[in-house]
Amino acid sequence: MKTVEIKKGKDTIQGTFYKGVLSVPNVLGDSVSEISFEGKTYKVTDSMVDERDDLIYLTLELPKGSSGEKSNDESVKG
């Protein structure tokens, strides 16, 4: 899980990104089709609003072979 910053107009919103799902405070609305952070733009494939915590969970389309987590460059022996 990592913390990311998303710019919306002049505001910066902090969220968390884990396994292709971005969770941010519900200030973006549920009609987001694309979102950019860390210099990359991602297509939003699904969104879900959690009204209890006022968060929105955005499922992002990631490039094939990417889990949304940074690699530690260590090979896995099996």
PDB file of N, CA and C in Angstrom:
ATOM      1  N   MET A   1       0.853  -1.168   0.000  1.00  0.00           N
ATOM      2  CA  MET A   1       0.000   0.000   0.000  1.00  0.00           C
ATOM      3  C   MET A   1       0.897   1.229   0.000  1.00  0.00           C
ATOM      4  N   LYS A   2       0.565   2.185  -0.846  1.00  0.00           N
ATOM      5  CA  LYS A   2       1.349   3.419  -0.862  1.00  0.00           C
ATOM      6  C   LYS A   2       0.431   4.625  -0.953  1.00  0.00           C
ATOM      7  N   THR A   3       0.929   5.727  -0.425  1.00  0.00           N
ATOM      8  CA  THR A   3       0.185   6.978  -0.449  1.00  0.00           C
ATOM      9  C   THR A   3       0.521   7.719  -1.732  1.00  0.00           C
ATOM     10  N   VAL A   4      -0.502   8.232  -2.404  1.00  0.00           N
ATOM     11  CA  VAL A   4      -0.309   8.977  -3.646  1.00  0.00           C
ATOM     12  C   VAL A   4      -1.033  10.313  -3.538  1.00  0.00           C
ATOM     13  N   GLU A   5      -0.621  11.258  -4.379  1.00  0.00           N
ATOM     14  CA  GLU A   5      -1.261  12.569  -4.425  1.00  0.00           C
ATOM     15  C   GLU A   5      -1.908  12.772  -5.785  1.00  0.00           C
ATOM     16  N   ILE A   6      -3.170  13.173  -5.764  1.00  0.00           N
ATOM     17  CA  ILE A   6      -3.932  13.424  -6.979  1.00  0.00           C
ATOM     18  C   ILE A   6      -4.275  14.903  -7.005  1.00  0.00           C
ATOM     19  N   LYS A   7      -4.061  15.536  -8.154  1.00  0.00           N
ATOM     20  CA  LYS A   7      -4.398  16.949  -8.284  1.00  0.00           C
ATOM     21  C   LYS A   7      -5.784  17.076  -8.891  1.00  0.00           C
ATOM     22  N   LYS A   8      -6.602  17.920  -8.252  1.00  0.00           N
ATOM     23  CA  LYS A   8      -7.927  18.256  -8.789  1.00  0.00           C
ATOM     24  C   LYS A   8      -8.021  19.769  -8.777  1.00  0.00           C
ATOM     25  N   GLY A   9      -7.855  20.354  -9.949  1.00  0.00           N
ATOM     26  CA  GLY A   9      -7.812  21.814 -10.024  1.00  0.00           C
ATOM     27  C   GLY A   9      -6.600  22.322  -9.274  1.00  0.00           C
ATOM     28  N   LYS A  10      -6.814  23.198  -8.321  1.00  0.00           N
ATOM     29  CA  LYS A  10      -5.703  23.729  -7.526  1.00  0.00           C
ATOM     30  C   LYS A  10      -5.478  22.912  -6.262  1.00  0.00           C
ATOM     31  N   ASP A  11      -6.383  21.972  -5.980  1.00  0.00           N
ATOM     32  CA  ASP A  11      -6.292  21.176  -4.762  1.00  0.00           C
ATOM     33  C   ASP A  11      -5.483  19.902  -4.987  1.00  0.00           C
ATOM     34  N   THR A  12      -4.845  19.431  -3.930  1.00  0.00           N
ATOM     35  CA  THR A  12      -4.152  18.153  -3.940  1.00  0.00           C
ATOM     36  C   THR A  12      -4.852  17.232  -2.951  1.00  0.00           C
ATOM     37  N   ILE A  13      -5.204  16.050  -3.419  1.00  0.00           N
ATOM     38  CA  ILE A  13      -5.921  15.076  -2.608  1.00  0.00           C
ATOM     39  C   ILE A  13      -5.005  13.885  -2.369  1.00  0.00           C
ATOM     40  N   GLN A  14      -4.907  13.449  -1.130  1.00  0.00           N
ATOM     41  CA  GLN A  14      -4.112  12.265  -0.832  1.00  0.00           C
ATOM     42  C   GLN A  14      -5.003  11.042  -0.789  1.00  0.00           C
ATOM     43  N   GLY A  15      -4.478   9.953  -1.324  1.00  0.00           N
ATOM     44  CA  GLY A  15      -5.201   8.696  -1.303  1.00  0.00           C
ATOM     45  C   GLY A  15      -4.237   7.549  -1.132  1.00  0.00           C
ATOM     46  N   THR A  16      -4.768   6.344  -1.083  1.00  0.00           N
ATOM     47  CA  THR A  16      -3.922   5.159  -0.994  1.00  0.00           C
ATOM     48  C   THR A  16      -4.175   4.276  -2.205  1.00  0.00           C
ATOM     49  N   PHE A  17      -3.094   3.668  -2.684  1.00  0.00           N
ATOM     50  CA  PHE A  17      -3.143   2.825  -3.874  1.00  0.00           C
ATOM     51  C   PHE A  17      -2.624   1.446  -3.501  1.00  0.00           C
ATOM     52  N   TYR A  18      -3.462   0.423  -3.739  1.00  0.00           N
ATOM     53  CA  TYR A  18      -3.080  -0.939  -3.387  1.00  0.00           C
ATOM     54  C   TYR A  18      -3.749  -1.916  -4.336  1.00  0.00           C
ATOM     55  N   LYS A  19      -2.941  -2.713  -5.007  1.00  0.00           N
ATOM     56  CA  LYS A  19      -3.419  -3.766  -5.907  1.00  0.00           C
ATOM     57  C   LYS A  19      -4.452  -3.270  -6.906  1.00  0.00           C
ATOM     58  N   GLY A  20      -4.163  -2.130  -7.519  1.00  0.00           N
ATOM     59  CA  GLY A  20      -5.026  -1.617  -8.577  1.00  0.00           C
ATOM     60  C   GLY A  20      -6.239  -0.850  -8.109  1.00  0.00           C
ATOM     61  N   VAL A  21      -6.379  -0.656  -6.787  1.00  0.00           N
ATOM     62  CA  VAL A  21      -7.528   0.085  -6.262  1.00  0.00           C
ATOM     63  C   VAL A  21      -7.024   1.340  -5.559  1.00  0.00           C
ATOM     64  N   LEU A  22      -7.569   2.458  -5.962  1.00  0.00           N
ATOM     65  CA  LEU A  22      -7.225   3.752  -5.381  1.00  0.00           C
ATOM     66  C   LEU A  22      -8.378   4.182  -4.482  1.00  0.00           C
ATOM     67  N   SER A  23      -8.073   4.478  -3.214  1.00  0.00           N
ATOM     68  CA  SER A  23      -9.114   4.985  -2.316  1.00  0.00           C
ATOM     69  C   SER A  23      -8.771   6.416  -1.943  1.00  0.00           C
ATOM     70  N   VAL A  24      -9.758   7.296  -2.129  1.00  0.00           N
ATOM     71  CA  VAL A  24      -9.587   8.727  -1.873  1.00  0.00           C
ATOM     72  C   VAL A  24     -10.854   9.265  -1.221  1.00  0.00           C
ATOM     73  N   PRO A  25     -10.744  10.416  -0.542  1.00  0.00           N
ATOM     74  CA  PRO A  25     -11.970  11.047  -0.031  1.00  0.00           C
ATOM     75  C   PRO A  25     -12.938  11.309  -1.178  1.00  0.00           C
ATOM     76  N   ASN A  26     -14.212  11.232  -0.901  1.00  0.00           N
ATOM     77  CA  ASN A  26     -15.233  11.348  -1.942  1.00  0.00           C
ATOM     78  C   ASN A  26     -15.454  12.806  -2.345  1.00  0.00           C
ATOM     79  N   VAL A  27     -14.443  13.403  -2.942  1.00  0.00           N
ATOM     80  CA  VAL A  27     -14.568  14.761  -3.475  1.00  0.00           C
ATOM     81  C   VAL A  27     -14.446  14.751  -4.997  1.00  0.00           C
ATOM     82  N   LEU A  28     -14.127  13.592  -5.576  1.00  0.00           N
ATOM     83  CA  LEU A  28     -13.982  13.483  -7.028  1.00  0.00           C
ATOM     84  C   LEU A  28     -15.308  13.199  -7.716  1.00  0.00           C
ATOM     85  N   GLY A  29     -16.261  12.634  -6.980  1.00  0.00           N
ATOM     86  CA  GLY A  29     -17.515  12.217  -7.590  1.00  0.00           C
ATOM     87  C   GLY A  29     -17.377  10.815  -8.149  1.00  0.00           C
ATOM     88  N   ASP A  30     -18.505  10.188  -8.477  1.00  0.00           N
ATOM     89  CA  ASP A  30     -18.446   8.799  -8.951  1.00  0.00           C
ATOM     90  C   ASP A  30     -18.478   8.671 -10.470  1.00  0.00           C
ATOM     91  N   SER A  31     -18.295   9.766 -11.173  1.00  0.00           N
ATOM     92  CA  SER A  31     -18.298   9.709 -12.636  1.00  0.00           C
ATOM     93  C   SER A  31     -16.898   9.938 -13.207  1.00  0.00           C
ATOM     94  N   VAL A  32     -15.881   9.522 -12.476  1.00  0.00           N
ATOM     95  CA  VAL A  32     -14.496   9.687 -12.927  1.00  0.00           C
ATOM     96  C   VAL A  32     -14.180   8.593 -13.943  1.00  0.00           C
ATOM     97  N   SER A  33     -13.658   8.976 -15.116  1.00  0.00           N
ATOM     98  CA  SER A  33     -13.305   7.976 -16.128  1.00  0.00           C
ATOM     99  C   SER A  33     -11.801   7.777 -16.237  1.00  0.00           C
ATOM    100  N   GLU A  34     -11.020   8.794 -15.857  1.00  0.00           N
ATOM    101  CA  GLU A  34      -9.559   8.700 -15.850  1.00  0.00           C
ATOM    102  C   GLU A  34      -9.032   9.457 -14.649  1.00  0.00           C
ATOM    103  N   ILE A  35      -7.869   9.004 -14.167  1.00  0.00           N
ATOM    104  CA  ILE A  35      -7.238   9.689 -13.043  1.00  0.00           C
ATOM    105  C   ILE A  35      -5.735   9.626 -13.230  1.00  0.00           C
ATOM    106  N   SER A  36      -5.055  10.687 -12.834  1.00  0.00           N
ATOM    107  CA  SER A  36      -3.603  10.755 -13.001  1.00  0.00           C
ATOM    108  C   SER A  36      -2.928  10.950 -11.661  1.00  0.00           C
ATOM    109  N   PHE A  37      -1.837  10.210 -11.456  1.00  0.00           N
ATOM    110  CA  PHE A  37      -0.966  10.411 -10.309  1.00  0.00           C
ATOM    111  C   PHE A  37       0.383   9.795 -10.636  1.00  0.00           C
ATOM    112  N   GLU A  38       1.409  10.307  -9.996  1.00  0.00           N
ATOM    113  CA  GLU A  38       2.791   9.884 -10.222  1.00  0.00           C
ATOM    114  C   GLU A  38       3.174   9.934 -11.699  1.00  0.00           C
ATOM    115  N   GLY A  39       2.646  10.915 -12.411  1.00  0.00           N
ATOM    116  CA  GLY A  39       3.006  11.113 -13.812  1.00  0.00           C
ATOM    117  C   GLY A  39       2.360  10.151 -14.788  1.00  0.00           C
ATOM    118  N   LYS A  40       1.418   9.336 -14.344  1.00  0.00           N
ATOM    119  CA  LYS A  40       0.752   8.383 -15.224  1.00  0.00           C
ATOM    120  C   LYS A  40      -0.757   8.589 -15.159  1.00  0.00           C
ATOM    121  N   THR A  41      -1.420   8.276 -16.270  1.00  0.00           N
ATOM    122  CA  THR A  41      -2.872   8.367 -16.341  1.00  0.00           C
ATOM    123  C   THR A  41      -3.438   6.953 -16.421  1.00  0.00           C
ATOM    124  N   TYR A  42      -4.452   6.687 -15.615  1.00  0.00           N
ATOM    125  CA  TYR A  42      -5.075   5.370 -15.565  1.00  0.00           C
ATOM    126  C   TYR A  42      -6.553   5.493 -15.894  1.00  0.00           C
ATOM    127  N   LYS A  43      -7.085   4.494 -16.589  1.00  0.00           N
ATOM    128  CA  LYS A  43      -8.512   4.433 -16.879  1.00  0.00           C
ATOM    129  C   LYS A  43      -9.208   3.809 -15.670  1.00  0.00           C
ATOM    130  N   VAL A  44     -10.319   4.401 -15.249  1.00  0.00           N
ATOM    131  CA  VAL A  44     -11.106   3.889 -14.132  1.00  0.00           C
ATOM    132  C   VAL A  44     -12.103   2.880 -14.693  1.00  0.00           C
ATOM    133  N   THR A  45     -12.034   1.640 -14.210  1.00  0.00           N
ATOM    134  CA  THR A  45     -12.931   0.591 -14.702  1.00  0.00           C
ATOM    135  C   THR A  45     -14.146   0.404 -13.805  1.00  0.00           C
ATOM    136  N   ASP A  46     -14.047   0.822 -12.538  1.00  0.00           N
ATOM    137  CA  ASP A  46     -15.167   0.672 -11.613  1.00  0.00           C
ATOM    138  C   ASP A  46     -14.988   1.651 -10.465  1.00  0.00           C
ATOM    139  N   SER A  47     -16.089   2.080  -9.886  1.00  0.00           N
ATOM    140  CA  SER A  47     -16.010   2.955  -8.718  1.00  0.00           C
ATOM    141  C   SER A  47     -17.092   2.554  -7.722  1.00  0.00           C
ATOM    142  N   MET A  48     -16.763   2.709  -6.443  1.00  0.00           N
ATOM    143  CA  MET A  48     -17.708   2.381  -5.390  1.00  0.00           C
ATOM    144  C   MET A  48     -17.556   3.407  -4.275  1.00  0.00           C
ATOM    145  N   VAL A  49     -18.666   3.989  -3.854  1.00  0.00           N
ATOM    146  CA  VAL A  49     -18.651   4.980  -2.785  1.00  0.00           C
ATOM    147  C   VAL A  49     -19.003   4.285  -1.472  1.00  0.00           C
ATOM    148  N   ASP A  50     -18.162   4.509  -0.459  1.00  0.00           N
ATOM    149  CA  ASP A  50     -18.439   4.021   0.894  1.00  0.00           C
ATOM    150  C   ASP A  50     -18.936   5.221   1.693  1.00  0.00           C
ATOM    151  N   GLU A  51     -20.241   5.301   1.877  1.00  0.00           N
ATOM    152  CA  GLU A  51     -20.834   6.463   2.539  1.00  0.00           C
ATOM    153  C   GLU A  51     -20.532   6.506   4.028  1.00  0.00           C
ATOM    154  N   ARG A  52     -20.160   5.378   4.620  1.00  0.00           N
ATOM    155  CA  ARG A  52     -19.830   5.358   6.049  1.00  0.00           C
ATOM    156  C   ARG A  52     -18.588   6.204   6.327  1.00  0.00           C
ATOM    157  N   ASP A  53     -17.571   6.042   5.461  1.00  0.00           N
ATOM    158  CA  ASP A  53     -16.312   6.767   5.648  1.00  0.00           C
ATOM    159  C   ASP A  53     -16.161   7.927   4.674  1.00  0.00           C
ATOM    160  N   ASP A  54     -17.150   8.114   3.781  1.00  0.00           N
ATOM    161  CA  ASP A  54     -17.112   9.130   2.733  1.00  0.00           C
ATOM    162  C   ASP A  54     -15.858   8.992   1.876  1.00  0.00           C
ATOM    163  N   LEU A  55     -15.587   7.748   1.458  1.00  0.00           N
ATOM    164  CA  LEU A  55     -14.467   7.442   0.577  1.00  0.00           C
ATOM    165  C   LEU A  55     -15.012   6.903  -0.737  1.00  0.00           C
ATOM    166  N   ILE A  56     -14.226   7.065  -1.788  1.00  0.00           N
ATOM    167  CA  ILE A  56     -14.558   6.432  -3.061  1.00  0.00           C
ATOM    168  C   ILE A  56     -13.404   5.510  -3.425  1.00  0.00           C
ATOM    169  N   TYR A  57     -13.750   4.310  -3.850  1.00  0.00           N
ATOM    170  CA  TYR A  57     -12.764   3.310  -4.256  1.00  0.00           C
ATOM    171  C   TYR A  57     -12.820   3.199  -5.772  1.00  0.00           C
ATOM    172  N   LEU A  58     -11.709   3.488  -6.418  1.00  0.00           N
ATOM    173  CA  LEU A  58     -11.632   3.453  -7.873  1.00  0.00           C
ATOM    174  C   LEU A  58     -10.765   2.273  -8.299  1.00  0.00           C
ATOM    175  N   THR A  59     -11.334   1.370  -9.080  1.00  0.00           N
ATOM    176  CA  THR A  59     -10.568   0.262  -9.632  1.00  0.00           C
ATOM    177  C   THR A  59      -9.960   0.754 -10.942  1.00  0.00           C
ATOM    178  N   LEU A  60      -8.632   0.637 -11.050  1.00  0.00           N
ATOM    179  CA  LEU A  60      -7.920   1.183 -12.198  1.00  0.00           C
ATOM    180  C   LEU A  60      -7.464   0.077 -13.133  1.00  0.00           C
ATOM    181  N   GLU A  61      -7.433   0.396 -14.420  1.00  0.00           N
ATOM    182  CA  GLU A  61      -6.923  -0.531 -15.418  1.00  0.00           C
ATOM    183  C   GLU A  61      -5.410  -0.373 -15.443  1.00  0.00           C
ATOM    184  N   LEU A  62      -4.703  -1.423 -15.054  1.00  0.00           N
ATOM    185  CA  LEU A  62      -3.244  -1.388 -15.004  1.00  0.00           C
ATOM    186  C   LEU A  62      -2.666  -2.103 -16.211  1.00  0.00           C
ATOM    187  N   PRO A  63      -1.455  -1.718 -16.621  1.00  0.00           N
ATOM    188  CA  PRO A  63      -0.801  -2.445 -17.708  1.00  0.00           C
ATOM    189  C   PRO A  63      -0.639  -3.918 -17.337  1.00  0.00           C
ATOM    190  N   LYS A  64      -0.683  -4.804 -18.323  1.00  0.00           N
ATOM    191  CA  LYS A  64      -0.542  -6.232 -18.050  1.00  0.00           C
ATOM    192  C   LYS A  64       0.792  -6.495 -17.352  1.00  0.00           C
ATOM    193  N   GLY A  65       0.751  -7.355 -16.351  1.00  0.00           N
ATOM    194  CA  GLY A  65       1.952  -7.692 -15.604  1.00  0.00           C
ATOM    195  C   GLY A  65       2.218  -6.760 -14.447  1.00  0.00           C
ATOM    196  N   SER A  66       1.368  -5.771 -14.249  1.00  0.00           N
ATOM    197  CA  SER A  66       1.548  -4.824 -13.155  1.00  0.00           C
ATOM    198  C   SER A  66       0.496  -5.081 -12.092  1.00  0.00           C
ATOM    199  N   SER A  67       0.938  -5.098 -10.830  1.00  0.00           N
ATOM    200  CA  SER A  67      -0.002  -5.314  -9.739  1.00  0.00           C
ATOM    201  C   SER A  67      -0.310  -4.022  -9.003  1.00  0.00           C
ATOM    202  N   GLY A  68       0.355  -2.940  -9.410  1.00  0.00           N
ATOM    203  CA  GLY A  68       0.153  -1.686  -8.724  1.00  0.00           C
ATOM    204  C   GLY A  68       1.141  -1.463  -7.608  1.00  0.00           C
ATOM    205  N   GLU A  69       1.958  -2.458  -7.345  1.00  0.00           N
ATOM    206  CA  GLU A  69       2.983  -2.346  -6.312  1.00  0.00           C
ATOM    207  C   GLU A  69       4.344  -2.264  -6.973  1.00  0.00           C
ATOM    208  N   LYS A  70       5.266  -1.574  -6.317  1.00  0.00           N
ATOM    209  CA  LYS A  70       6.614  -1.484  -6.847  1.00  0.00           C
ATOM    210  C   LYS A  70       7.338  -2.803  -6.637  1.00  0.00           C
ATOM    211  N   SER A  71       8.139  -3.183  -7.595  1.00  0.00           N
ATOM    212  CA  SER A  71       8.923  -4.398  -7.495  1.00  0.00           C
ATOM    213  C   SER A  71      10.136  -4.145  -6.614  1.00  0.00           C
ATOM    214  N   ASN A  72      10.538  -5.176  -5.871  1.00  0.00           N
ATOM    215  CA  ASN A  72      11.746  -5.037  -5.070  1.00  0.00           C
ATOM    216  C   ASN A  72      12.939  -5.631  -5.820  1.00  0.00           C
ATOM    217  N   ASP A  73      12.738  -6.011  -7.090  1.00  0.00           N
ATOM    218  CA  ASP A  73      13.782  -6.526  -7.973  1.00  0.00           C
ATOM    219  C   ASP A  73      14.447  -7.799  -7.446  1.00  0.00           C
ATOM    220  N   GLU A  74      13.759  -8.540  -6.592  1.00  0.00           N
ATOM    221  CA  GLU A  74      14.288  -9.801  -6.118  1.00  0.00           C
ATOM    222  C   GLU A  74      13.553 -10.921  -6.838  1.00  0.00           C
ATOM    223  N   SER A  75      14.321 -11.909  -7.325  1.00  0.00           N
ATOM    224  CA  SER A  75      13.692 -13.024  -8.000  1.00  0.00           C
ATOM    225  C   SER A  75      13.093 -13.968  -6.966  1.00  0.00           C
ATOM    226  N   VAL A  76      12.036 -14.628  -7.377  1.00  0.00           N
ATOM    227  CA  VAL A  76      11.372 -15.578  -6.500  1.00  0.00           C
ATOM    228  C   VAL A  76      11.807 -16.967  -6.943  1.00  0.00           C
ATOM    229  N   LYS A  77      12.399 -17.706  -6.031  1.00  0.00           N
ATOM    230  CA  LYS A  77      12.832 -19.064  -6.362  1.00  0.00           C
ATOM    231  C   LYS A  77      11.757 -20.035  -5.918  1.00  0.00           C
ATOM    232  N   GLY A  78      11.497 -21.039  -6.760  1.00  0.00           N
ATOM    233  CA  GLY A  78      10.417 -21.940  -6.412  1.00  0.00           C
ATOM    234  C   GLY A  78      10.669 -23.340  -6.676  1.00  0.00           C
TER     235      GLY A  78
END
